[in-house]
Every structure is written in structure tokens, then in C-alpha cells.
Amino acid sequence: MDRGSEIADFLRSRRARITPGRAGLAEDGRARRVPGLRRDEVARLAGMSTEYYTRLEQGRAGTPSPEVVEALARALQLDLAEREHLIDLLARPRPAPRTPTAPQRVRPGLYLMLQTLEHVPAFILGRRTDVLASNRLGRAVLTDFDALPVSQRNLVRYYLLDPDARERVGDWAQIAAETVAMLRLEAGRHPHDRRLADLVGELTLRCPEFTAWWNDHRVLRRTHGTKFYHHPVVGDLHFSYESFQPPGDPDQTLCVYNVEPGSATAEALRLLSSWTTPGSQAHTPSATASGQAAPPTSNSSPRS
């Protein structure tokens, strides 16, 4: 990622969505060549000079203080994920690592947690939405990530490039766009991630909708919400999901698809669970990168 271009595009996109009325400013009668706020209006709202804001937007202002970043976030009415992304973009540039990033590993206790959650779908995401581990119902409801090559076990790649996902995922366009926004947040945190750049390139070439979603600079950290799937075997499934970071690893996210007890979805999952009774390594809680089943207390799927 080019830091200057990312800062400029993000700030322009955020000020373009705010009208003077929404920002509490009176119209001054001047014609607007672009939608939203002008640079001088953002500067006034943030309590800084227009010259300094212009240098900020052009990526030429160095590393601003936390107070400046907070004032800018208030002026642009950023949500928590957008504030986090702005901080990442405006932070002091970090040199590219000289050695490859260490593979991500899921600790044994989290694998045991996936086994414990045997009545609902659950999975663990890593950097760039890589699927590091999943339980049996997680693979049955979405797709069998363990059967894929390690490089293809990725949530955004599944949503955007797997033809089955467009039929299986309810509100596909919304869910796919939101997952791209999650990837955009990751890109701000890890600007030198070569595998993330390769993934963006692949999605650009193979998914017609991706470029527009990526270029709107939306960022999102999903913590909870609802999901809807059309399963080819048991029909419609409705979930309330919860996502959170396990203590000790900010680059991993545990996602759990909860269901109402006694609901039609709970009954459908019971049927799906019996239909996918473990009988082969493809149905074990996880597998190693080589495809061989691993004991639950020492499982690990190395991911870079």
C-alpha cells in the first residue's frame, strides 16, 4: 500500500459523505465542485489551519499528535473502526519486515473450545480473514475449509470467489461488501503484508464487484450481528453471531453462530450434525497444513 495515497483517499472519502448541515455548518453560497465538506471546512471543524489539513490529506504532515488525530476523527464523525484505521494510516511509517511474518497458530485451548461448541458453527479467523480453524458445523454451514489448500482457506475469498457462496449466503452482496471492509481494515494494520496484497490482486481480477467495494474505503470490525444462509440440505438457517478476540492474540478472532433454543434453525442444525457424523479426517475439528488429522491438544494450522 502507498501510505500517501491511502491517507488521501480515505480522508477524501470520509469528508465527501458529510454535508455542511450534518456537520452543523451554514451554507455559504459558494458552488461545490465535490460532494461533502471542503478542506477548509474540515480544518475549521478540527481546529487546525487549512494548510496543515491539506498537508495531512496529502500525506505530507509527518506523524500528527494523538490530539490532532482525535480532532480530525470528531470533525469527520468517524466510528470506532474508522478511527482505528485513521490512526493506523497516520502512524509513523514502519519499515517492511526483513524476514517473513511468523506463521499464525491457534493454541490448543481454542481448539478445545471449538470442540465444546459442537452444537453451533464456530471458526477462528486470522490475519487477512484467513480461516485458521473451524468446527464441524462451521464447515457444514459454510464450506469445508479443511479440504481446501492452505492458501485458499480464507473467508473473503470464499464469499467472493466460490460460486456456491452466492447461492448459500443470504444477503450475499451486503455480507461480501462488509467482509471486504474487514479486509480494508486489515490492510491499514499490515501495510507490508505480501499475501494480503496478492489476495487483493486476485480479488480485483476475479470478482467484478470487488474494485468498487475496495475503492469506497469502508472499514469495519464486526463484533456481533445476524447471518442468514440457504443450506442445500436443511434449508434456511438464521444465526446471531458474536465475534471477539481471544486474550493474548489480537490477530485472531473467534466467531460463533448462535441459535435460539427450540427454533427451526436449532432443529436444522441437529439434523445437519447427524448428517455430517464424523467418519473421516475431513470432519475432524481441524487438520494440519499437510492434511493429516492432528490430536486436539496439539493441533496447529501454520499460516503466514
C-alpha atoms as a PDB file:
ATOM      1  CA  MET A   1       0.000   0.000   0.000  1.00  0.00           C
ATOM      2  CA  ASP A   2       1.148   3.528  -0.783  1.00  0.00           C
ATOM      3  CA  ARG A   3       0.741   5.367   2.523  1.00  0.00           C
ATOM      4  CA  GLY A   4       0.208   8.805   0.999  1.00  0.00           C
ATOM      5  CA  SER A   5      -2.457   7.598  -1.436  1.00  0.00           C
ATOM      6  CA  GLU A   6      -4.249   5.633   1.263  1.00  0.00           C
ATOM      7  CA  ILE A   7      -4.390   8.653   3.595  1.00  0.00           C
ATOM      8  CA  ALA A   8      -5.600  10.948   0.816  1.00  0.00           C
ATOM      9  CA  ASP A   9      -8.263   8.572  -0.491  1.00  0.00           C
ATOM     10  CA  PHE A  10      -9.580   7.730   2.964  1.00  0.00           C
ATOM     11  CA  LEU A  11      -9.860  11.342   4.146  1.00  0.00           C
ATOM     12  CA  ARG A  12     -11.444  12.476   0.885  1.00  0.00           C
ATOM     13  CA  SER A  13     -13.977   9.675   1.004  1.00  0.00           C
ATOM     14  CA  ARG A  14     -14.890  10.477   4.624  1.00  0.00           C
ATOM     15  CA  ARG A  15     -15.370  14.220   4.086  1.00  0.00           C
ATOM     16  CA  ALA A  16     -17.296  13.593   0.861  1.00  0.00           C
ATOM     17  CA  ARG A  17     -20.086  11.874   2.769  1.00  0.00           C
ATOM     18  CA  ILE A  18     -20.714  14.709   5.257  1.00  0.00           C
ATOM     19  CA  THR A  19     -22.905  17.629   4.264  1.00  0.00           C
ATOM     20  CA  PRO A  20     -22.431  21.057   5.863  1.00  0.00           C
ATOM     21  CA  GLY A  21     -25.814  20.667   7.525  1.00  0.00           C
ATOM     22  CA  ARG A  22     -24.816  17.364   9.068  1.00  0.00           C
ATOM     23  CA  ALA A  23     -21.603  18.973  10.323  1.00  0.00           C
ATOM     24  CA  GLY A  24     -23.516  21.920  11.805  1.00  0.00           C
ATOM     25  CA  LEU A  25     -22.187  24.448   9.270  1.00  0.00           C
ATOM     26  CA  ALA A  26     -24.259  27.051   7.481  1.00  0.00           C
ATOM     27  CA  GLU A  27     -24.182  27.095   3.678  1.00  0.00           C
ATOM     28  CA  ASP A  28     -22.034  29.972   2.420  1.00  0.00           C
ATOM     29  CA  GLY A  29     -23.473  30.160  -1.078  1.00  0.00           C
ATOM     30  CA  ARG A  30     -20.286  29.040  -2.824  1.00  0.00           C
ATOM     31  CA  ALA A  31     -20.647  26.400  -5.529  1.00  0.00           C
ATOM     32  CA  ARG A  32     -19.346  22.978  -4.526  1.00  0.00           C
ATOM     33  CA  ARG A  33     -17.223  21.157  -7.051  1.00  0.00           C
ATOM     34  CA  VAL A  34     -17.203  17.979  -4.961  1.00  0.00           C
ATOM     35  CA  PRO A  35     -19.805  16.466  -2.630  1.00  0.00           C
ATOM     36  CA  GLY A  36     -19.480  16.863   1.105  1.00  0.00           C
ATOM     37  CA  LEU A  37     -17.183  19.151   3.045  1.00  0.00           C
ATOM     38  CA  ARG A  38     -14.366  21.236   1.630  1.00  0.00           C
ATOM     39  CA  ARG A  39     -10.868  21.031   3.067  1.00  0.00           C
ATOM     40  CA  ASP A  40     -11.197  24.419   4.775  1.00  0.00           C
ATOM     41  CA  GLU A  41     -14.436  23.305   6.438  1.00  0.00           C
ATOM     42  CA  VAL A  42     -12.838  20.129   7.801  1.00  0.00           C
ATOM     43  CA  ALA A  43      -9.899  22.199   9.035  1.00  0.00           C
ATOM     44  CA  ARG A  44     -12.231  24.658  10.781  1.00  0.00           C
ATOM     45  CA  LEU A  45     -14.176  21.838  12.462  1.00  0.00           C
ATOM     46  CA  ALA A  46     -10.931  20.197  13.612  1.00  0.00           C
ATOM     47  CA  GLY A  47      -9.390  23.432  14.874  1.00  0.00           C
ATOM     48  CA  MET A  48      -6.411  23.465  12.517  1.00  0.00           C
ATOM     49  CA  SER A  49      -5.242  25.556   9.600  1.00  0.00           C
ATOM     50  CA  THR A  50      -6.376  24.715   6.083  1.00  0.00           C
ATOM     51  CA  GLU A  51      -2.725  24.460   5.056  1.00  0.00           C
ATOM     52  CA  TYR A  52      -1.978  21.892   7.740  1.00  0.00           C
ATOM     53  CA  TYR A  53      -5.082  19.824   6.932  1.00  0.00           C
ATOM     54  CA  THR A  54      -4.154  19.897   3.240  1.00  0.00           C
ATOM     55  CA  ARG A  55      -0.706  18.548   4.071  1.00  0.00           C
ATOM     56  CA  LEU A  56      -2.330  15.880   6.255  1.00  0.00           C
ATOM     57  CA  GLU A  57      -4.655  14.806   3.458  1.00  0.00           C
ATOM     58  CA  GLN A  58      -1.734  14.667   1.055  1.00  0.00           C
ATOM     59  CA  GLY A  59       0.329  12.541   3.451  1.00  0.00           C
ATOM     60  CA  ARG A  60       2.945  15.297   3.874  1.00  0.00           C
ATOM     61  CA  ALA A  61       2.374  16.272   7.510  1.00  0.00           C
ATOM     62  CA  GLY A  62       4.555  13.671   9.184  1.00  0.00           C
ATOM     63  CA  THR A  63       3.106  11.926  12.219  1.00  0.00           C
ATOM     64  CA  PRO A  64       0.371  14.048  13.864  1.00  0.00           C
ATOM     65  CA  SER A  65      -0.194  14.056  17.606  1.00  0.00           C
ATOM     66  CA  PRO A  66      -2.984  11.952  19.167  1.00  0.00           C
ATOM     67  CA  GLU A  67      -4.862  15.202  19.864  1.00  0.00           C
ATOM     68  CA  VAL A  68      -4.800  16.139  16.174  1.00  0.00           C
ATOM     69  CA  VAL A  69      -5.979  12.680  15.144  1.00  0.00           C
ATOM     70  CA  GLU A  70      -8.832  12.812  17.661  1.00  0.00           C
ATOM     71  CA  ALA A  71      -9.897  16.280  16.486  1.00  0.00           C
ATOM     72  CA  LEU A  72      -9.887  15.074  12.887  1.00  0.00           C
ATOM     73  CA  ALA A  73     -11.899  11.976  13.803  1.00  0.00           C
ATOM     74  CA  ARG A  74     -14.519  14.141  15.523  1.00  0.00           C
ATOM     75  CA  ALA A  75     -14.710  16.533  12.589  1.00  0.00           C
ATOM     76  CA  LEU A  76     -15.228  13.679  10.127  1.00  0.00           C
ATOM     77  CA  GLN A  77     -17.636  11.863  12.501  1.00  0.00           C
ATOM     78  CA  LEU A  78     -15.677   8.608  12.299  1.00  0.00           C
ATOM     79  CA  ASP A  79     -16.898   5.453  14.024  1.00  0.00           C
ATOM     80  CA  LEU A  80     -14.582   3.278  16.128  1.00  0.00           C
ATOM     81  CA  ALA A  81     -13.310   1.160  13.221  1.00  0.00           C
ATOM     82  CA  GLU A  82     -12.688   4.277  11.104  1.00  0.00           C
ATOM     83  CA  ARG A  83     -10.801   5.933  13.970  1.00  0.00           C
ATOM     84  CA  GLU A  84      -8.654   2.834  14.324  1.00  0.00           C
ATOM     85  CA  HIS A  85      -7.978   2.858  10.580  1.00  0.00           C
ATOM     86  CA  LEU A  86      -7.085   6.570  10.621  1.00  0.00           C
ATOM     87  CA  ILE A  87      -4.628   6.002  13.476  1.00  0.00           C
ATOM     88  CA  ASP A  88      -3.022   3.142  11.511  1.00  0.00           C
ATOM     89  CA  LEU A  89      -2.708   5.277   8.373  1.00  0.00           C
ATOM     90  CA  LEU A  90      -1.288   8.340  10.168  1.00  0.00           C
ATOM     91  CA  ALA A  91       1.103   6.411  12.417  1.00  0.00           C
ATOM     92  CA  ARG A  92       4.826   6.674  11.862  1.00  0.00           C
ATOM     93  CA  PRO A  93       5.631   4.540   8.797  1.00  0.00           C
ATOM     94  CA  ARG A  94       7.043   1.161   9.747  1.00  0.00           C
ATOM     95  CA  PRO A  95       9.783  -0.391   7.609  1.00  0.00           C
ATOM     96  CA  ALA A  96       8.929  -3.544   5.757  1.00  0.00           C
ATOM     97  CA  PRO A  97       9.987  -6.631   7.770  1.00  0.00           C
ATOM     98  CA  ARG A  98      13.214  -8.232   6.592  1.00  0.00           C
ATOM     99  CA  THR A  99      12.010 -11.721   7.403  1.00  0.00           C
ATOM    100  CA  PRO A 100       8.648 -13.370   6.676  1.00  0.00           C
ATOM    101  CA  THR A 101       5.955 -12.954   9.300  1.00  0.00           C
ATOM    102  CA  ALA A 102       5.799 -15.904  11.676  1.00  0.00           C
ATOM    103  CA  PRO A 103       3.015 -18.382  10.870  1.00  0.00           C
ATOM    104  CA  GLN A 104      -0.161 -17.967  12.881  1.00  0.00           C
ATOM    105  CA  ARG A 105      -1.018 -20.849  15.175  1.00  0.00           C
ATOM    106  CA  VAL A 106      -4.176 -21.490  17.142  1.00  0.00           C
ATOM    107  CA  ARG A 107      -3.396 -22.526  20.702  1.00  0.00           C
ATOM    108  CA  PRO A 108      -4.716 -25.918  21.929  1.00  0.00           C
ATOM    109  CA  GLY A 109      -7.225 -24.368  24.324  1.00  0.00           C
ATOM    110  CA  LEU A 110      -9.027 -22.638  21.447  1.00  0.00           C
ATOM    111  CA  TYR A 111      -9.217 -25.904  19.511  1.00  0.00           C
ATOM    112  CA  LEU A 112     -10.834 -27.488  22.555  1.00  0.00           C
ATOM    113  CA  MET A 113     -13.287 -24.584  22.661  1.00  0.00           C
ATOM    114  CA  LEU A 114     -14.283 -25.295  19.050  1.00  0.00           C
ATOM    115  CA  GLN A 115     -14.939 -28.920  20.032  1.00  0.00           C
ATOM    116  CA  THR A 116     -17.015 -27.781  23.017  1.00  0.00           C
ATOM    117  CA  LEU A 117     -19.139 -25.620  20.698  1.00  0.00           C
ATOM    118  CA  GLU A 118     -20.309 -28.703  18.832  1.00  0.00           C
ATOM    119  CA  HIS A 119     -23.974 -27.651  18.527  1.00  0.00           C
ATOM    120  CA  VAL A 120     -23.352 -24.376  16.662  1.00  0.00           C
ATOM    121  CA  PRO A 121     -21.000 -23.289  13.841  1.00  0.00           C
ATOM    122  CA  ALA A 122     -17.771 -21.697  15.016  1.00  0.00           C
ATOM    123  CA  PHE A 123     -14.429 -20.796  13.471  1.00  0.00           C
ATOM    124  CA  ILE A 124     -11.294 -18.762  14.121  1.00  0.00           C
ATOM    125  CA  LEU A 125     -10.109 -16.067  11.726  1.00  0.00           C
ATOM    126  CA  GLY A 126      -6.550 -14.805  11.496  1.00  0.00           C
ATOM    127  CA  ARG A 127      -4.878 -12.055   9.506  1.00  0.00           C
ATOM    128  CA  ARG A 128      -6.483 -11.137   6.159  1.00  0.00           C
ATOM    129  CA  THR A 129      -9.594 -13.186   7.210  1.00  0.00           C
ATOM    130  CA  ASP A 130      -7.704 -16.474   6.909  1.00  0.00           C
ATOM    131  CA  VAL A 131      -9.725 -19.335   8.403  1.00  0.00           C
ATOM    132  CA  LEU A 132      -7.265 -20.838  10.881  1.00  0.00           C
ATOM    133  CA  ALA A 133      -9.639 -23.406  12.370  1.00  0.00           C
ATOM    134  CA  SER A 134     -13.304 -24.387  12.247  1.00  0.00           C
ATOM    135  CA  ASN A 135     -15.586 -26.905  13.864  1.00  0.00           C
ATOM    136  CA  ARG A 136     -17.672 -29.489  12.016  1.00  0.00           C
ATOM    137  CA  LEU A 137     -20.854 -27.417  11.817  1.00  0.00           C
ATOM    138  CA  GLY A 138     -18.874 -24.371  10.729  1.00  0.00           C
ATOM    139  CA  ARG A 139     -17.607 -26.306   7.734  1.00  0.00           C
ATOM    140  CA  ALA A 140     -21.039 -27.833   7.079  1.00  0.00           C
ATOM    141  CA  VAL A 141     -22.837 -24.462   7.058  1.00  0.00           C
ATOM    142  CA  LEU A 142     -20.235 -22.526   5.052  1.00  0.00           C
ATOM    143  CA  THR A 143     -17.740 -24.736   3.232  1.00  0.00           C
ATOM    144  CA  ASP A 144     -15.203 -27.404   4.162  1.00  0.00           C
ATOM    145  CA  PHE A 145     -12.203 -25.138   4.614  1.00  0.00           C
ATOM    146  CA  ASP A 146     -10.052 -28.058   5.796  1.00  0.00           C
ATOM    147  CA  ALA A 147     -10.479 -29.713   2.391  1.00  0.00           C
ATOM    148  CA  LEU A 148      -9.016 -26.643   0.646  1.00  0.00           C
ATOM    149  CA  PRO A 149      -5.325 -25.888   0.108  1.00  0.00           C
ATOM    150  CA  VAL A 150      -3.969 -23.817   2.997  1.00  0.00           C
ATOM    151  CA  SER A 151      -3.572 -20.750   0.755  1.00  0.00           C
ATOM    152  CA  GLN A 152      -7.307 -20.814  -0.083  1.00  0.00           C
ATOM    153  CA  ARG A 153      -8.699 -21.098   3.468  1.00  0.00           C
ATOM    154  CA  ASN A 154      -9.893 -17.528   3.602  1.00  0.00           C
ATOM    155  CA  LEU A 155     -13.325 -16.084   4.375  1.00  0.00           C
ATOM    156  CA  VAL A 156     -13.371 -13.155   1.951  1.00  0.00           C
ATOM    157  CA  ARG A 157     -12.011 -15.405  -0.793  1.00  0.00           C
ATOM    158  CA  TYR A 158     -14.835 -17.884  -0.133  1.00  0.00           C
ATOM    159  CA  TYR A 159     -17.551 -15.218  -0.164  1.00  0.00           C
ATOM    160  CA  LEU A 160     -16.324 -13.519  -3.339  1.00  0.00           C
ATOM    161  CA  LEU A 161     -14.863 -16.329  -5.457  1.00  0.00           C
ATOM    162  CA  ASP A 162     -16.740 -19.517  -4.566  1.00  0.00           C
ATOM    163  CA  PRO A 163     -19.841 -19.758  -6.827  1.00  0.00           C
ATOM    164  CA  ASP A 164     -21.629 -21.740  -4.117  1.00  0.00           C
ATOM    165  CA  ALA A 165     -21.343 -18.812  -1.698  1.00  0.00           C
ATOM    166  CA  ARG A 166     -23.547 -16.574  -3.835  1.00  0.00           C
ATOM    167  CA  GLU A 167     -26.352 -19.127  -3.520  1.00  0.00           C
ATOM    168  CA  ARG A 168     -25.733 -20.142   0.082  1.00  0.00           C
ATOM    169  CA  VAL A 169     -25.140 -16.772   1.775  1.00  0.00           C
ATOM    170  CA  GLY A 170     -28.292 -14.732   2.388  1.00  0.00           C
ATOM    171  CA  ASP A 171     -27.895 -11.019   1.525  1.00  0.00           C
ATOM    172  CA  TRP A 172     -24.743 -12.002  -0.353  1.00  0.00           C
ATOM    173  CA  ALA A 173     -23.835  -8.539  -1.630  1.00  0.00           C
ATOM    174  CA  GLN A 174     -24.115  -6.977   1.833  1.00  0.00           C
ATOM    175  CA  ILE A 175     -22.110  -9.720   3.564  1.00  0.00           C
ATOM    176  CA  ALA A 176     -19.461  -9.747   0.831  1.00  0.00           C
ATOM    177  CA  ALA A 177     -19.067  -5.957   0.936  1.00  0.00           C
ATOM    178  CA  GLU A 178     -18.796  -5.996   4.731  1.00  0.00           C
ATOM    179  CA  THR A 179     -16.095  -8.663   4.575  1.00  0.00           C
ATOM    180  CA  VAL A 180     -14.151  -6.539   2.067  1.00  0.00           C
ATOM    181  CA  ALA A 181     -14.410  -3.683   4.605  1.00  0.00           C
ATOM    182  CA  MET A 182     -12.880  -6.009   7.212  1.00  0.00           C
ATOM    183  CA  LEU A 183     -10.033  -6.725   4.778  1.00  0.00           C
ATOM    184  CA  ARG A 184      -9.515  -2.989   4.211  1.00  0.00           C
ATOM    185  CA  LEU A 185      -9.109  -2.537   7.990  1.00  0.00           C
ATOM    186  CA  GLU A 186      -6.509  -5.312   7.951  1.00  0.00           C
ATOM    187  CA  ALA A 187      -4.636  -3.580   5.136  1.00  0.00           C
ATOM    188  CA  GLY A 188      -4.241  -0.463   7.273  1.00  0.00           C
ATOM    189  CA  ARG A 189      -2.828  -2.502  10.152  1.00  0.00           C
ATOM    190  CA  HIS A 190      -0.466  -4.567   7.994  1.00  0.00           C
ATOM    191  CA  PRO A 191       0.601  -2.403   5.030  1.00  0.00           C
ATOM    192  CA  HIS A 192       3.550  -4.660   4.159  1.00  0.00           C
ATOM    193  CA  ASP A 193       1.614  -7.951   4.113  1.00  0.00           C
ATOM    194  CA  ARG A 194       2.554  -9.501   0.772  1.00  0.00           C
ATOM    195  CA  ARG A 195      -0.082 -12.237   0.987  1.00  0.00           C
ATOM    196  CA  LEU A 196      -2.760  -9.644   1.632  1.00  0.00           C
ATOM    197  CA  ALA A 197      -1.603  -7.689  -1.424  1.00  0.00           C
ATOM    198  CA  ASP A 198      -1.708 -10.884  -3.502  1.00  0.00           C
ATOM    199  CA  LEU A 199      -5.242 -11.590  -2.244  1.00  0.00           C
ATOM    200  CA  VAL A 200      -6.391  -8.083  -3.184  1.00  0.00           C
ATOM    201  CA  GLY A 201      -4.885  -8.566  -6.639  1.00  0.00           C
ATOM    202  CA  GLU A 202      -6.659 -11.884  -7.124  1.00  0.00           C
ATOM    203  CA  LEU A 203      -9.998 -10.485  -5.976  1.00  0.00           C
ATOM    204  CA  THR A 204      -9.575  -7.487  -8.280  1.00  0.00           C
ATOM    205  CA  LEU A 205      -9.096  -9.754 -11.280  1.00  0.00           C
ATOM    206  CA  ARG A 206     -11.716 -12.375 -10.484  1.00  0.00           C
ATOM    207  CA  CYS A 207     -14.598 -10.619  -8.697  1.00  0.00           C
ATOM    208  CA  PRO A 208     -16.454  -7.932 -10.711  1.00  0.00           C
ATOM    209  CA  GLU A 209     -17.837  -6.250  -7.588  1.00  0.00           C
ATOM    210  CA  PHE A 210     -14.600  -6.118  -5.598  1.00  0.00           C
ATOM    211  CA  THR A 211     -12.989  -2.983  -7.048  1.00  0.00           C
ATOM    212  CA  ALA A 212     -15.943  -0.718  -6.232  1.00  0.00           C
ATOM    213  CA  TRP A 213     -16.159  -2.080  -2.682  1.00  0.00           C
ATOM    214  CA  TRP A 214     -12.417  -1.734  -2.128  1.00  0.00           C
ATOM    215  CA  ASN A 215     -12.240   1.785  -3.533  1.00  0.00           C
ATOM    216  CA  ASP A 216     -15.004   3.169  -1.299  1.00  0.00           C
ATOM    217  CA  HIS A 217     -12.541   2.811   1.631  1.00  0.00           C
ATOM    218  CA  ARG A 218     -15.159   1.482   4.012  1.00  0.00           C
ATOM    219  CA  VAL A 219     -13.666  -0.209   7.083  1.00  0.00           C
ATOM    220  CA  LEU A 220     -15.425  -2.471   9.525  1.00  0.00           C
ATOM    221  CA  ARG A 221     -14.720  -4.504  12.631  1.00  0.00           C
ATOM    222  CA  ARG A 222     -17.564  -6.959  13.103  1.00  0.00           C
ATOM    223  CA  THR A 223     -18.407  -7.794  16.690  1.00  0.00           C
ATOM    224  CA  HIS A 224     -21.969  -9.101  16.505  1.00  0.00           C
ATOM    225  CA  GLY A 225     -24.962  -9.250  14.207  1.00  0.00           C
ATOM    226  CA  THR A 226     -27.149 -11.632  12.252  1.00  0.00           C
ATOM    227  CA  LYS A 227     -26.457 -14.049   9.402  1.00  0.00           C
ATOM    228  CA  PHE A 228     -28.761 -15.934   7.071  1.00  0.00           C
ATOM    229  CA  TYR A 229     -27.820 -18.979   4.974  1.00  0.00           C
ATOM    230  CA  HIS A 230     -29.694 -21.112   2.437  1.00  0.00           C
ATOM    231  CA  HIS A 231     -28.338 -24.614   3.078  1.00  0.00           C
ATOM    232  CA  PRO A 232     -28.906 -27.132   0.257  1.00  0.00           C
ATOM    233  CA  VAL A 233     -29.674 -29.967   2.699  1.00  0.00           C
ATOM    234  CA  VAL A 234     -31.557 -28.464   5.673  1.00  0.00           C
ATOM    235  CA  GLY A 235     -32.892 -25.220   4.202  1.00  0.00           C
ATOM    236  CA  ASP A 236     -32.807 -21.731   5.709  1.00  0.00           C
ATOM    237  CA  LEU A 237     -30.606 -21.049   8.730  1.00  0.00           C
ATOM    238  CA  HIS A 238     -30.756 -17.885  10.861  1.00  0.00           C
ATOM    239  CA  PHE A 239     -27.945 -17.014  13.275  1.00  0.00           C
ATOM    240  CA  SER A 240     -26.998 -14.342  15.793  1.00  0.00           C
ATOM    241  CA  TYR A 241     -23.219 -14.226  15.640  1.00  0.00           C
ATOM    242  CA  GLU A 242     -20.685 -12.997  18.170  1.00  0.00           C
ATOM    243  CA  SER A 243     -17.066 -12.253  17.295  1.00  0.00           C
ATOM    244  CA  PHE A 244     -14.279 -11.414  19.726  1.00  0.00           C
ATOM    245  CA  GLN A 245     -10.509 -11.546  20.059  1.00  0.00           C
ATOM    246  CA  PRO A 246      -9.141 -14.252  22.349  1.00  0.00           C
ATOM    247  CA  PRO A 247      -6.895 -12.805  25.069  1.00  0.00           C
ATOM    248  CA  GLY A 248      -3.264 -12.884  24.082  1.00  0.00           C
ATOM    249  CA  ASP A 249      -3.641 -12.708  20.295  1.00  0.00           C
ATOM    250  CA  PRO A 250      -5.097  -9.534  18.741  1.00  0.00           C
ATOM    251  CA  ASP A 251      -4.672 -11.001  15.245  1.00  0.00           C
ATOM    252  CA  GLN A 252      -7.167 -13.819  15.826  1.00  0.00           C
ATOM    253  CA  THR A 253     -10.963 -13.643  16.064  1.00  0.00           C
ATOM    254  CA  LEU A 254     -13.302 -16.320  17.394  1.00  0.00           C
ATOM    255  CA  CYS A 255     -16.644 -16.288  15.549  1.00  0.00           C
ATOM    256  CA  VAL A 256     -19.650 -18.173  16.959  1.00  0.00           C
ATOM    257  CA  TYR A 257     -23.012 -18.525  15.188  1.00  0.00           C
ATOM    258  CA  ASN A 258     -25.599 -18.795  17.961  1.00  0.00           C
ATOM    259  CA  VAL A 259     -29.194 -20.013  17.543  1.00  0.00           C
ATOM    260  CA  GLU A 260     -32.380 -19.703  19.572  1.00  0.00           C
ATOM    261  CA  PRO A 261     -33.057 -22.940  21.521  1.00  0.00           C
ATOM    262  CA  GLY A 262     -36.036 -24.786  20.089  1.00  0.00           C
ATOM    263  CA  SER A 263     -36.035 -22.738  16.891  1.00  0.00           C
ATOM    264  CA  ALA A 264     -36.306 -24.118  13.368  1.00  0.00           C
ATOM    265  CA  THR A 265     -32.605 -23.363  12.886  1.00  0.00           C
ATOM    266  CA  ALA A 266     -31.688 -25.313  16.046  1.00  0.00           C
ATOM    267  CA  GLU A 267     -33.599 -28.328  14.705  1.00  0.00           C
ATOM    268  CA  ALA A 268     -31.999 -27.934  11.277  1.00  0.00           C
ATOM    269  CA  LEU A 269     -28.538 -27.871  12.867  1.00  0.00           C
ATOM    270  CA  ARG A 270     -29.366 -31.034  14.822  1.00  0.00           C
ATOM    271  CA  LEU A 271     -30.243 -32.756  11.558  1.00  0.00           C
ATOM    272  CA  LEU A 272     -27.158 -31.352   9.835  1.00  0.00           C
ATOM    273  CA  SER A 273     -24.977 -32.532  12.699  1.00  0.00           C
ATOM    274  CA  SER A 274     -26.282 -36.085  12.407  1.00  0.00           C
ATOM    275  CA  TRP A 275     -25.879 -35.941   8.620  1.00  0.00           C
ATOM    276  CA  THR A 276     -22.214 -34.951   8.985  1.00  0.00           C
ATOM    277  CA  THR A 277     -21.333 -37.518  11.653  1.00  0.00           C
ATOM    278  CA  PRO A 278     -17.534 -37.722  11.927  1.00  0.00           C
ATOM    279  CA  GLY A 279     -16.206 -40.578   9.880  1.00  0.00           C
ATOM    280  CA  SER A 280     -13.180 -39.182   8.129  1.00  0.00           C
ATOM    281  CA  GLN A 281     -10.413 -36.652   8.716  1.00  0.00           C
ATOM    282  CA  ALA A 282     -12.410 -34.066   6.736  1.00  0.00           C
ATOM    283  CA  HIS A 283     -14.902 -33.985   9.608  1.00  0.00           C
ATOM    284  CA  THR A 284     -12.459 -33.620  12.487  1.00  0.00           C
ATOM    285  CA  PRO A 285     -12.329 -30.253  14.303  1.00  0.00           C
ATOM    286  CA  SER A 286      -9.266 -29.223  12.294  1.00  0.00           C
ATOM    287  CA  ALA A 287      -6.416 -30.547  10.242  1.00  0.00           C
ATOM    288  CA  THR A 288      -2.780 -29.636   9.837  1.00  0.00           C
ATOM    289  CA  ALA A 289      -1.496 -27.918   6.736  1.00  0.00           C
ATOM    290  CA  SER A 290      -0.379 -31.285   5.357  1.00  0.00           C
ATOM    291  CA  GLY A 291      -3.964 -32.578   5.508  1.00  0.00           C
ATOM    292  CA  GLN A 292      -3.323 -35.113   8.288  1.00  0.00           C
ATOM    293  CA  ALA A 293      -5.585 -35.070  11.327  1.00  0.00           C
ATOM    294  CA  ALA A 294      -3.880 -33.848  14.479  1.00  0.00           C
ATOM    295  CA  PRO A 295      -4.661 -34.557  18.132  1.00  0.00           C
ATOM    296  CA  PRO A 296      -6.932 -31.877  19.664  1.00  0.00           C
ATOM    297  CA  THR A 297      -4.343 -30.923  22.262  1.00  0.00           C
ATOM    298  CA  SER A 298      -1.600 -30.166  19.747  1.00  0.00           C
ATOM    299  CA  ASN A 299      -3.403 -29.076  16.595  1.00  0.00           C
ATOM    300  CA  SER A 300      -1.951 -26.220  14.630  1.00  0.00           C
ATOM    301  CA  SER A 301      -2.529 -24.897  11.136  1.00  0.00           C
ATOM    302  CA  PRO A 302       0.550 -22.797  10.300  1.00  0.00           C
ATOM    303  CA  ARG A 303      -0.459 -19.665   8.413  1.00  0.00           C
ATOM    304  CA  SER A 304       1.731 -16.762   7.465  1.00  0.00           C
END
